[in-house]
Amino acid sequence: MVLRALPLLLVCGCAQSAVRSAPADAGVPGLYKAPFDIVLGAVTMSLRESNFAISESRDGRLVAGGYSPAGDRLAARVLVERAGDHCRVRVLVPGDDAAARAIHDRIAKRLELPAPPPAMPPAAANGDSVERAYLSLLPICFDAVLKVCRERDYRVVGEKRTGDHTGAISAEGKGFALSIQLHRRPDNRTRAIVHVRGRAPAENRDEAARVVERLRTELKEP
């Protein structure tokens, strides 16, 4: 077993060096209600089941190397830390969040707990963005956003939806561009962030607010 794992560790050495030096908050996060030792064991087994060879395991920090189904070299880093009666787990697989989420799925299955939802987008942090939470399911909100874009004569230039959890739509108006991010929150609401750019900040915000309000009307929400 050791001899078979040795070449894998050698070829993945450079990639593992990169994940070792990555910021502590990098990667896909998850929160599990289970004791630290139990979660750490589930992480270890999940990495092995995902065909990663662990080269470092110390104080809740694991580094491993492996290959993608296409044969590309991969490195993973998992950080496990106590958070009250929970454990916070952050899985980093550079350039492959899907692989990180797959590891989370294995961890959750071993712990017999739900897999953590996809990470939420950052909160709107500037005057050109407006956000609101809606009761409607994300697919319904996604279709409503497209309808609002058509009604307001926006040209949709990009749209992407990942199941019932996340969605993003990009569009262009007369002299400005806008993006709408959707995320299904753990409290069963759909969060929408509308960001407009291309005009003065006040005008951008006004346009974003009009989209948010029109979306509320379209969804028939209070």
Protein backbone atom coordinates (compact mmCIF):
# COMPACT_ATOMS: atom_id res chain seq x y z
CA MET A 1 0.00 0.00 0.00
CA VAL A 2 2.79 2.45 0.94
CA LEU A 3 4.76 1.68 -2.23
CA ARG A 4 1.71 2.20 -4.41
CA ALA A 5 0.96 5.56 -2.75
CA LEU A 6 4.54 6.85 -2.98
CA PRO A 7 4.53 7.84 -6.70
CA LEU A 8 1.24 9.67 -6.20
CA LEU A 9 2.67 11.72 -3.36
CA LEU A 10 5.78 12.56 -5.38
CA VAL A 11 3.94 13.79 -8.49
CA CYS A 12 1.52 15.83 -6.42
CA GLY A 13 4.18 17.44 -4.24
CA CYS A 14 4.11 20.86 -5.91
CA ALA A 15 0.34 21.10 -5.81
CA GLN A 16 0.32 20.12 -2.14
CA SER A 17 2.84 22.85 -1.36
CA ALA A 18 0.39 25.36 -2.85
CA VAL A 19 -2.55 24.22 -0.71
CA ARG A 20 -0.40 24.24 2.43
CA SER A 21 0.26 27.97 1.96
CA ALA A 22 -3.32 28.87 0.96
CA PRO A 23 -5.29 31.22 3.27
CA ALA A 24 -7.11 29.52 6.12
CA ASP A 25 -10.49 30.69 4.81
CA ALA A 26 -9.95 29.22 1.33
CA GLY A 27 -12.11 26.30 0.24
CA VAL A 28 -15.70 25.08 0.55
CA PRO A 29 -17.01 25.34 4.13
CA GLY A 30 -19.32 23.03 6.03
CA LEU A 31 -20.61 22.71 9.60
CA TYR A 32 -21.31 19.34 11.24
CA LYS A 33 -22.87 18.62 14.62
CA ALA A 34 -20.58 15.82 15.79
CA PRO A 35 -17.53 15.42 18.08
CA PHE A 36 -14.15 16.49 16.71
CA ASP A 37 -12.61 13.00 16.66
CA ILE A 38 -15.63 11.55 14.85
CA VAL A 39 -15.58 14.30 12.22
CA LEU A 40 -11.81 13.96 11.77
CA GLY A 41 -12.21 10.22 11.19
CA ALA A 42 -14.97 10.83 8.64
CA VAL A 43 -12.75 13.36 6.82
CA THR A 44 -9.84 10.89 6.72
CA MET A 45 -11.97 8.07 5.30
CA SER A 46 -13.71 10.41 2.84
CA LEU A 47 -10.39 11.56 1.39
CA ARG A 48 -9.26 7.95 0.94
CA GLU A 49 -12.58 7.01 -0.65
CA SER A 50 -12.07 9.94 -3.05
CA ASN A 51 -8.71 8.44 -4.11
CA PHE A 52 -6.59 10.97 -2.26
CA ALA A 53 -3.39 9.81 -0.54
CA ILE A 54 -2.92 11.68 2.73
CA SER A 55 0.59 13.06 3.22
CA GLU A 56 -0.04 15.20 6.31
CA SER A 57 -2.51 14.91 9.19
CA ARG A 58 -1.92 17.02 12.26
CA ASP A 59 -4.12 19.05 14.62
CA GLY A 60 -7.15 18.88 12.36
CA ARG A 61 -5.22 19.77 9.21
CA LEU A 62 -4.99 17.21 6.40
CA VAL A 63 -3.14 17.55 3.10
CA ALA A 64 -3.48 14.97 0.34
CA GLY A 65 -2.75 14.35 -3.34
CA GLY A 66 -4.77 12.57 -5.99
CA TYR A 67 -6.01 12.58 -9.57
CA SER A 68 -9.22 13.76 -11.21
CA PRO A 69 -11.25 11.32 -13.38
CA ALA A 70 -9.55 12.96 -16.39
CA GLY A 71 -6.09 12.16 -15.00
CA ASP A 72 -5.19 15.69 -13.84
CA ARG A 73 -3.16 16.05 -10.65
CA LEU A 74 -5.13 17.32 -7.67
CA ALA A 75 -4.24 18.41 -4.17
CA ALA A 76 -6.60 18.80 -1.26
CA ARG A 77 -6.42 20.47 2.12
CA VAL A 78 -9.03 19.96 4.81
CA LEU A 79 -9.17 22.02 7.99
CA VAL A 80 -11.27 20.76 10.91
CA GLU A 81 -11.89 22.98 13.94
CA ARG A 82 -14.20 22.87 16.92
CA ALA A 83 -17.11 25.33 16.97
CA GLY A 84 -19.06 24.73 20.17
CA ASP A 85 -20.90 21.42 19.81
CA HIS A 86 -20.23 21.51 16.05
CA CYS A 87 -17.15 21.12 13.89
CA ARG A 88 -16.33 23.52 11.09
CA VAL A 89 -14.78 21.78 8.06
CA ARG A 90 -13.24 23.62 5.11
CA VAL A 91 -12.25 21.58 2.04
CA LEU A 92 -9.89 23.14 -0.50
CA VAL A 93 -9.29 21.54 -3.91
CA PRO A 94 -7.84 24.40 -6.02
CA GLY A 95 -9.79 24.95 -9.21
CA ASP A 96 -12.29 22.18 -8.47
CA ASP A 97 -15.06 23.15 -6.04
CA ALA A 98 -17.11 20.21 -7.33
CA ALA A 99 -14.47 17.81 -6.00
CA ALA A 100 -14.49 19.65 -2.66
CA ARG A 101 -18.28 19.37 -2.45
CA ALA A 102 -18.05 15.67 -3.31
CA ILE A 103 -15.74 15.20 -0.32
CA HIS A 104 -18.26 17.04 1.85
CA ASP A 105 -20.97 14.70 0.56
CA ARG A 106 -18.91 11.69 1.67
CA ILE A 107 -18.25 13.26 5.07
CA ALA A 108 -21.94 13.94 5.60
CA LYS A 109 -22.87 10.42 4.53
CA ARG A 110 -20.42 8.89 7.01
CA LEU A 111 -21.77 11.12 9.78
CA GLU A 112 -25.36 10.41 8.69
CA LEU A 113 -25.96 14.16 8.46
CA PRO A 114 -27.20 16.39 5.60
CA ALA A 115 -24.51 17.69 3.28
CA PRO A 116 -23.82 21.43 3.77
CA PRO A 117 -25.46 23.75 1.22
CA PRO A 118 -23.31 25.58 -1.33
CA ALA A 119 -21.50 28.61 0.07
CA MET A 120 -23.49 31.82 0.01
CA PRO A 121 -22.28 34.69 -2.17
CA PRO A 122 -20.84 37.66 -0.29
CA ALA A 123 -23.29 40.25 0.94
CA ALA A 124 -23.80 43.35 -1.16
CA ALA A 125 -21.02 45.67 -0.04
CA ASN A 126 -21.39 48.80 -2.15
CA GLY A 127 -23.95 51.41 -3.14
CA ASP A 128 -24.55 49.84 -6.56
CA SER A 129 -26.12 46.64 -5.14
CA VAL A 130 -29.50 45.89 -3.59
CA GLU A 131 -30.51 42.59 -2.05
CA ARG A 132 -33.71 41.00 -0.77
CA ALA A 133 -34.89 37.59 0.44
CA TYR A 134 -37.96 35.96 -1.10
CA LEU A 135 -40.15 33.10 0.11
CA SER A 136 -40.42 31.56 -3.36
CA LEU A 137 -38.23 28.61 -4.35
CA LEU A 138 -35.08 29.42 -6.29
CA PRO A 139 -36.24 27.97 -9.66
CA ILE A 140 -39.37 30.15 -9.45
CA CYS A 141 -37.26 33.21 -8.64
CA PHE A 142 -34.88 32.37 -11.50
CA ASP A 143 -37.73 32.28 -14.04
CA ALA A 144 -39.20 35.47 -12.57
CA VAL A 145 -35.86 37.28 -12.99
CA LEU A 146 -35.76 36.31 -16.66
CA LYS A 147 -39.33 37.58 -17.11
CA VAL A 148 -38.50 40.88 -15.40
CA CYS A 149 -35.46 41.29 -17.65
CA ARG A 150 -37.62 40.82 -20.75
CA GLU A 151 -40.24 43.26 -19.46
CA ARG A 152 -37.60 45.91 -18.82
CA ASP A 153 -36.01 45.38 -22.24
CA TYR A 154 -32.76 44.05 -20.79
CA ARG A 155 -30.74 41.79 -23.06
CA VAL A 156 -29.82 38.61 -21.16
CA VAL A 157 -26.20 37.73 -21.97
CA GLY A 158 -25.66 34.89 -19.54
CA GLU A 159 -27.61 32.59 -17.26
CA LYS A 160 -26.60 29.66 -15.06
CA ARG A 161 -28.49 27.66 -12.46
CA THR A 162 -27.07 24.92 -10.22
CA GLY A 163 -30.00 22.77 -9.15
CA ASP A 164 -32.27 24.41 -6.60
CA HIS A 165 -29.42 26.07 -4.68
CA THR A 166 -27.78 28.82 -6.74
CA GLY A 167 -28.35 30.83 -9.89
CA ALA A 168 -26.86 33.80 -11.74
CA ILE A 169 -28.12 35.96 -14.59
CA SER A 170 -26.23 38.70 -16.46
CA ALA A 171 -28.00 41.28 -18.61
CA GLU A 172 -27.46 44.60 -20.36
CA GLY A 173 -29.66 47.69 -20.49
CA LYS A 174 -29.26 51.05 -22.17
CA GLY A 175 -25.90 52.29 -20.94
CA PHE A 176 -25.50 49.86 -18.05
CA ALA A 177 -25.01 46.20 -17.17
CA LEU A 178 -26.45 44.22 -14.32
CA SER A 179 -26.01 40.88 -12.61
CA ILE A 180 -28.46 39.01 -10.41
CA GLN A 181 -27.21 36.31 -8.01
CA LEU A 182 -29.65 33.91 -6.36
CA HIS A 183 -28.96 31.61 -3.43
CA ARG A 184 -31.29 29.35 -1.42
CA ARG A 185 -30.65 30.02 2.26
CA PRO A 186 -30.88 27.49 5.12
CA ASP A 187 -33.96 29.38 6.43
CA ASN A 188 -35.84 28.42 3.23
CA ARG A 189 -35.70 31.82 1.62
CA THR A 190 -34.14 32.75 -1.70
CA ARG A 191 -31.64 35.58 -1.47
CA ALA A 192 -31.30 37.84 -4.52
CA ILE A 193 -28.46 40.31 -5.02
CA VAL A 194 -28.88 42.78 -7.89
CA HIS A 195 -25.74 44.65 -8.92
CA VAL A 196 -25.82 47.41 -11.54
CA ARG A 197 -22.82 49.19 -13.04
CA GLY A 198 -22.23 51.73 -15.83
CA ARG A 199 -23.97 54.83 -14.44
CA ALA A 200 -23.55 57.08 -11.43
CA PRO A 201 -23.75 55.12 -8.14
CA ALA A 202 -27.13 56.59 -7.19
CA GLU A 203 -28.59 55.73 -10.60
CA ASN A 204 -27.17 52.21 -10.41
CA ARG A 205 -28.75 51.67 -7.02
CA ASP A 206 -32.11 53.06 -8.15
CA GLU A 207 -32.15 50.66 -11.09
CA ALA A 208 -31.25 47.72 -8.85
CA ALA A 209 -34.02 48.70 -6.42
CA ARG A 210 -36.55 48.80 -9.26
CA VAL A 211 -35.56 45.27 -10.30
CA VAL A 212 -35.87 43.99 -6.72
CA GLU A 213 -39.31 45.58 -6.33
CA ARG A 214 -40.55 44.35 -9.72
CA LEU A 215 -39.36 40.85 -8.82
CA ARG A 216 -41.33 41.03 -5.55
CA THR A 217 -44.45 41.98 -7.50
CA GLU A 218 -43.92 39.22 -10.05
CA LEU A 219 -43.58 36.66 -7.25
CA LYS A 220 -46.71 38.08 -5.55
CA GLU A 221 -44.91 38.41 -2.24
CA PRO A 222 -45.65 40.95 0.52
